[in-house]
C-alpha atoms as a PDB file:
ATOM      1  CA  MET A   1      73.511  19.712  70.778  1.00  0.00           C
ATOM      2  CA  PHE A   2      70.995  21.297  68.426  1.00  0.00           C
ATOM      3  CA  VAL A   3      72.568  19.382  65.529  1.00  0.00           C
ATOM      4  CA  LEU A   4      71.912  16.039  67.242  1.00  0.00           C
ATOM      5  CA  THR A   5      68.384  17.150  68.112  1.00  0.00           C
ATOM      6  CA  ASN A   6      67.662  18.140  64.520  1.00  0.00           C
ATOM      7  CA  PHE A   7      69.201  14.899  63.252  1.00  0.00           C
ATOM      8  CA  LEU A   8      67.012  12.788  65.540  1.00  0.00           C
ATOM      9  CA  LEU A   9      63.901  14.748  64.602  1.00  0.00           C
ATOM     10  CA  ALA A  10      64.688  14.407  60.904  1.00  0.00           C
ATOM     11  CA  THR A  11      65.350  10.680  61.311  1.00  0.00           C
ATOM     12  CA  ALA A  12      62.044  10.236  63.125  1.00  0.00           C
ATOM     13  CA  THR A  13      60.176  12.151  60.437  1.00  0.00           C
ATOM     14  CA  VAL A  14      61.742  10.223  57.564  1.00  0.00           C
ATOM     15  CA  LEU A  15      61.129   6.928  59.339  1.00  0.00           C
ATOM     16  CA  GLN A  16      57.497   7.921  59.886  1.00  0.00           C
ATOM     17  CA  LEU A  17      57.101   8.695  56.167  1.00  0.00           C
ATOM     18  CA  VAL A  18      58.753   5.450  55.060  1.00  0.00           C
ATOM     19  CA  LEU A  19      56.605   3.373  57.401  1.00  0.00           C
ATOM     20  CA  THR A  20      53.427   5.141  56.243  1.00  0.00           C
ATOM     21  CA  PHE A  21      54.368   4.574  52.606  1.00  0.00           C
ATOM     22  CA  TYR A  22      54.988   0.886  53.311  1.00  0.00           C
ATOM     23  CA  ILE A  23      51.601   0.614  55.041  1.00  0.00           C
ATOM     24  CA  TRP A  24      49.936   1.754  51.835  1.00  0.00           C
ATOM     25  CA  ILE A  25      51.999  -0.696  49.778  1.00  0.00           C
ATOM     26  CA  VAL A  26      50.936  -3.600  52.009  1.00  0.00           C
ATOM     27  CA  ILE A  27      47.290  -2.507  51.840  1.00  0.00           C
ATOM     28  CA  ALA A  28      47.456  -2.266  48.041  1.00  0.00           C
ATOM     29  CA  ARG A  29      49.043  -5.716  47.887  1.00  0.00           C
ATOM     30  CA  ALA A  30      46.275  -7.169  50.051  1.00  0.00           C
ATOM     31  CA  LEU A  31      43.576  -5.535  47.928  1.00  0.00           C
ATOM     32  CA  ILE A  32      45.147  -6.732  44.692  1.00  0.00           C
ATOM     33  CA  SER A  33      45.273 -10.288  46.020  1.00  0.00           C
ATOM     34  CA  TRP A  34      41.452 -10.370  46.044  1.00  0.00           C
ATOM     35  CA  VAL A  35      41.303 -10.158  42.248  1.00  0.00           C
ATOM     36  CA  ASN A  36      43.199 -11.998  39.561  1.00  0.00           C
ATOM     37  CA  PRO A  37      45.882  -9.406  38.656  1.00  0.00           C
ATOM     38  CA  ASP A  38      48.051  -9.586  35.582  1.00  0.00           C
ATOM     39  CA  PRO A  39      51.403 -10.860  36.909  1.00  0.00           C
ATOM     40  CA  TYR A  40      53.274  -8.984  34.161  1.00  0.00           C
ATOM     41  CA  ASN A  41      51.829  -5.599  35.098  1.00  0.00           C
ATOM     42  CA  PRO A  42      54.672  -3.399  36.421  1.00  0.00           C
ATOM     43  CA  ILE A  43      52.568  -2.118  39.334  1.00  0.00           C
ATOM     44  CA  VAL A  44      51.641  -5.644  40.404  1.00  0.00           C
ATOM     45  CA  ARG A  45      55.267  -6.737  40.125  1.00  0.00           C
ATOM     46  CA  PHE A  46      56.404  -3.739  42.187  1.00  0.00           C
ATOM     47  CA  LEU A  47      53.850  -4.481  44.908  1.00  0.00           C
ATOM     48  CA  TYR A  48      54.845  -8.137  44.936  1.00  0.00           C
ATOM     49  CA  ASN A  49      58.597  -7.431  45.017  1.00  0.00           C
ATOM     50  CA  ALA A  50      58.241  -4.757  47.715  1.00  0.00           C
ATOM     51  CA  THR A  51      56.143  -6.845  50.093  1.00  0.00           C
ATOM     52  CA  GLU A  52      56.887 -10.509  49.459  1.00  0.00           C
ATOM     53  CA  PRO A  53      60.227 -10.749  51.341  1.00  0.00           C
ATOM     54  CA  LEU A  54      58.614  -9.540  54.563  1.00  0.00           C
ATOM     55  CA  LEU A  55      55.297 -11.329  54.077  1.00  0.00           C
ATOM     56  CA  TYR A  56      57.121 -14.586  53.316  1.00  0.00           C
ATOM     57  CA  ARG A  57      59.002 -14.416  56.628  1.00  0.00           C
ATOM     58  CA  VAL A  58      55.769 -13.791  58.519  1.00  0.00           C
ATOM     59  CA  ARG A  59      54.006 -16.645  56.682  1.00  0.00           C
ATOM     60  CA  ARG A  60      56.764 -19.024  57.744  1.00  0.00           C
ATOM     61  CA  LEU A  61      56.175 -18.107  61.389  1.00  0.00           C
ATOM     62  CA  VAL A  62      52.362 -17.957  61.373  1.00  0.00           C
ATOM     63  CA  PRO A  63      50.427 -20.876  59.869  1.00  0.00           C
ATOM     64  CA  PHE A  64      47.203 -20.454  57.909  1.00  0.00           C
ATOM     65  CA  PHE A  65      44.022 -20.762  59.925  1.00  0.00           C
ATOM     66  CA  ALA A  66      40.327 -20.138  59.279  1.00  0.00           C
ATOM     67  CA  GLY A  67      40.106 -21.781  55.905  1.00  0.00           C
ATOM     68  CA  GLY A  68      43.406 -20.618  54.439  1.00  0.00           C
ATOM     69  CA  ILE A  69      43.060 -16.894  55.110  1.00  0.00           C
ATOM     70  CA  ASP A  70      46.437 -15.184  54.951  1.00  0.00           C
ATOM     71  CA  PHE A  71      46.909 -13.055  58.067  1.00  0.00           C
ATOM     72  CA  SER A  72      50.478 -12.023  57.210  1.00  0.00           C
ATOM     73  CA  PRO A  73      49.530  -8.553  55.852  1.00  0.00           C
ATOM     74  CA  LEU A  74      47.573  -7.851  59.028  1.00  0.00           C
ATOM     75  CA  ILE A  75      50.505  -8.918  61.197  1.00  0.00           C
ATOM     76  CA  VAL A  76      52.911  -6.778  59.157  1.00  0.00           C
ATOM     77  CA  LEU A  77      50.580  -3.781  59.515  1.00  0.00           C
ATOM     78  CA  LEU A  78      50.410  -4.293  63.283  1.00  0.00           C
ATOM     79  CA  VAL A  79      54.216  -4.410  63.498  1.00  0.00           C
ATOM     80  CA  ILE A  80      54.505  -1.247  61.422  1.00  0.00           C
ATOM     81  CA  TYR A  81      51.988   0.561  63.647  1.00  0.00           C
ATOM     82  CA  PHE A  82      53.931  -0.603  66.692  1.00  0.00           C
ATOM     83  CA  LEU A  83      57.138   0.794  65.181  1.00  0.00           C
ATOM     84  CA  GLN A  84      55.412   4.074  64.424  1.00  0.00           C
ATOM     85  CA  PHE A  85      54.079   4.504  67.933  1.00  0.00           C
ATOM     86  CA  PHE A  86      57.121   3.164  69.785  1.00  0.00           C
ATOM     87  CA  LEU A  87      60.267   3.804  67.746  1.00  0.00           C
ATOM     88  CA  VAL A  88      59.339   7.060  66.032  1.00  0.00           C
ATOM     89  CA  GLN A  89      57.862   8.567  69.179  1.00  0.00           C
ATOM     90  CA  SER A  90      60.887   7.432  71.210  1.00  0.00           C
ATOM     91  CA  LEU A  91      63.221   9.163  68.759  1.00  0.00           C
ATOM     92  CA  ARG A  92      61.177  12.358  69.002  1.00  0.00           C
ATOM     93  CA  ASP A  93      61.077  12.218  72.798  1.00  0.00           C
ATOM     94  CA  LEU A  94      64.835  11.639  72.905  1.00  0.00           C
ATOM     95  CA  ALA A  95      65.405  14.616  70.638  1.00  0.00           C
ATOM     96  CA  PHE A  96      63.287  16.872  72.845  1.00  0.00           C
ATOM     97  CA  ALA A  97      65.013  15.567  75.987  1.00  0.00           C
ATOM     98  CA  ILE A  98      68.431  16.435  74.565  1.00  0.00           C
ATOM     99  CA  ARG A  99      67.305  19.947  73.683  1.00  0.00           C
END
């Protein structure tokens, strides 16, 4: 059983790291949107390509309000925080319960 416990703990840790990394990517994308970035810059293209598929889906579900302010990055961040507190912690609790 220790192998399953270690696997679940490792999965929870990697998932936590991936979600944290994606939080920073979404924040960088939101900050870059306040200025006029060069669309041919590789960093700008990476940020756009990494976040746009998810942000586009959220934008389709949530309309613009308050003068055209885009709330999709905020909603994505809230979902990521929910996943960190619910899914990652549930995996860790399950691993410790199996132990």
